[in-house]
Amino acid sequence: MKLLAAIIGFEARFFLFALMGVVAYKMLTGRIITVGLLMNKVTGANSPARIQLLFFTLAGAVFYLGAVAMEPAGFPDLPTELFAILGGSNLAFLGSKGVPRLLSFVRKFMETKT
């Protein structure tokens, strides 16, 4: 049984590293386009919502990898604060997407009423 668990663990690691290698290769060769990912699609300027989402996601991933490195026997429990930070970050990003559209809808609705 331990041998089977070791084989499955090895295969999972191999798959993840192979997938990471394929994605990295495609990004470096330009088949996955990364230009403008942090830009606002309407204004063309840097999007603070996208940048903060990327920052908090990467910070959460580094925190989790550090927790796994400290306790490699199993998956560590994550603090509730990390979920709150990531949830708030995603909520801020979605809010930045939805609020301008909602305001535009309200303006158009108000124009049709007058």
Protein backbone atom coordinates (compact mmCIF):
# COMPACT_ATOMS: atom_id res chain seq x y z
CA MET A 1 0.00 0.00 0.00
CA LYS A 2 2.85 2.40 0.77
CA LEU A 3 4.40 1.58 -2.59
CA LEU A 4 1.16 2.44 -4.37
CA ALA A 5 0.92 5.75 -2.49
CA ALA A 6 4.54 6.56 -3.38
CA ILE A 7 3.92 5.78 -7.06
CA ILE A 8 0.78 7.92 -7.17
CA GLY A 9 2.63 10.75 -5.43
CA PHE A 10 5.48 10.52 -7.93
CA GLU A 11 3.08 10.52 -10.87
CA ALA A 12 1.21 13.53 -9.51
CA ARG A 13 4.44 15.48 -9.05
CA PHE A 14 5.65 14.46 -12.51
CA PHE A 15 2.35 15.57 -14.07
CA LEU A 16 2.39 18.93 -12.30
CA PHE A 17 6.02 19.64 -13.22
CA ALA A 18 5.39 18.58 -16.83
CA LEU A 19 2.34 20.83 -16.99
CA MET A 20 4.33 23.69 -15.49
CA GLY A 21 7.07 23.12 -18.07
CA VAL A 22 4.63 23.12 -20.99
CA VAL A 23 2.98 26.34 -19.80
CA ALA A 24 6.36 28.02 -19.23
CA TYR A 25 7.58 26.93 -22.66
CA LYS A 26 4.45 28.24 -24.38
CA MET A 27 4.70 31.53 -22.49
CA LEU A 28 8.35 31.95 -23.50
CA THR A 29 7.68 31.13 -27.15
CA GLY A 30 4.70 33.50 -27.32
CA ARG A 31 1.98 30.89 -27.88
CA ILE A 32 0.38 32.01 -24.60
CA ILE A 33 0.02 35.76 -24.85
CA THR A 34 0.81 37.56 -21.60
CA VAL A 35 1.01 41.11 -22.92
CA GLY A 36 -1.60 43.34 -21.34
CA LEU A 37 -2.80 40.92 -18.67
CA LEU A 38 -2.52 43.61 -16.00
CA MET A 39 -4.04 46.34 -18.17
CA ASN A 40 -7.53 47.75 -18.03
CA LYS A 41 -9.24 46.65 -21.26
CA VAL A 42 -11.09 49.95 -21.68
CA THR A 43 -8.51 52.60 -20.74
CA GLY A 44 -5.30 50.68 -21.53
CA ALA A 45 -3.76 51.77 -18.22
CA ASN A 46 -2.55 49.49 -15.46
CA SER A 47 -5.46 48.02 -13.55
CA PRO A 48 -4.99 48.32 -9.77
CA ALA A 49 -7.64 45.63 -9.23
CA ARG A 50 -5.76 43.12 -11.39
CA ILE A 51 -2.42 43.98 -9.79
CA GLN A 52 -3.74 43.57 -6.22
CA LEU A 53 -5.43 40.28 -7.17
CA LEU A 54 -2.17 38.96 -8.61
CA PHE A 55 -0.19 40.14 -5.57
CA PHE A 56 -2.50 38.58 -2.99
CA THR A 57 -2.82 35.35 -4.97
CA LEU A 58 0.96 35.00 -5.24
CA ALA A 59 1.39 35.91 -1.56
CA GLY A 60 -1.16 33.24 -0.61
CA ALA A 61 0.58 30.66 -2.80
CA VAL A 62 3.98 31.46 -1.24
CA PHE A 63 2.45 31.22 2.23
CA TYR A 64 0.91 27.85 1.41
CA LEU A 65 4.13 26.50 -0.11
CA GLY A 66 5.98 27.60 3.01
CA ALA A 67 3.42 25.81 5.18
CA VAL A 68 3.79 22.65 3.09
CA ALA A 69 7.59 22.86 3.37
CA MET A 70 7.32 23.11 7.16
CA GLU A 71 4.89 20.16 7.37
CA PRO A 72 5.61 17.87 4.38
CA ALA A 73 3.77 14.84 5.83
CA GLY A 74 0.37 16.17 4.79
CA PHE A 75 -1.61 19.16 3.74
CA PRO A 76 -1.44 21.86 6.42
CA ASP A 77 -4.50 23.67 7.70
CA LEU A 78 -4.82 27.16 6.32
CA PRO A 79 -5.71 30.04 8.59
CA THR A 80 -9.10 31.67 8.15
CA GLU A 81 -7.38 35.01 7.59
CA LEU A 82 -5.84 33.72 4.35
CA PHE A 83 -9.29 32.82 3.02
CA ALA A 84 -10.58 36.23 4.07
CA ILE A 85 -7.71 38.03 2.33
CA LEU A 86 -8.09 36.04 -0.89
CA GLY A 87 -11.87 36.37 -0.82
CA GLY A 88 -11.66 40.11 -0.25
CA SER A 89 -9.14 40.46 -3.05
CA ASN A 90 -11.37 38.58 -5.47
CA LEU A 91 -14.39 40.58 -4.32
CA ALA A 92 -12.52 43.83 -4.98
CA PHE A 93 -11.57 42.62 -8.45
CA LEU A 94 -15.12 41.54 -9.28
CA GLY A 95 -16.42 44.82 -7.87
CA SER A 96 -14.10 46.75 -10.15
CA LYS A 97 -15.56 44.82 -13.07
CA GLY A 98 -19.21 45.07 -12.05
CA VAL A 99 -19.61 48.58 -10.64
CA PRO A 100 -18.77 50.46 -13.87
CA ARG A 101 -21.17 48.24 -15.82
CA LEU A 102 -23.89 48.74 -13.25
CA LEU A 103 -23.41 52.53 -13.35
CA SER A 104 -23.54 52.47 -17.14
CA PHE A 105 -26.75 50.46 -17.02
CA VAL A 106 -28.31 52.86 -14.51
CA ARG A 107 -27.33 55.88 -16.64
CA LYS A 108 -28.87 54.35 -19.76
CA PHE A 109 -31.98 53.40 -17.81
CA MET A 110 -32.33 56.93 -16.42
CA GLU A 111 -31.86 58.44 -19.90
CA THR A 112 -34.71 56.36 -21.28
CA LYS A 113 -37.02 57.52 -18.45
CA THR A 114 -36.50 61.22 -19.19
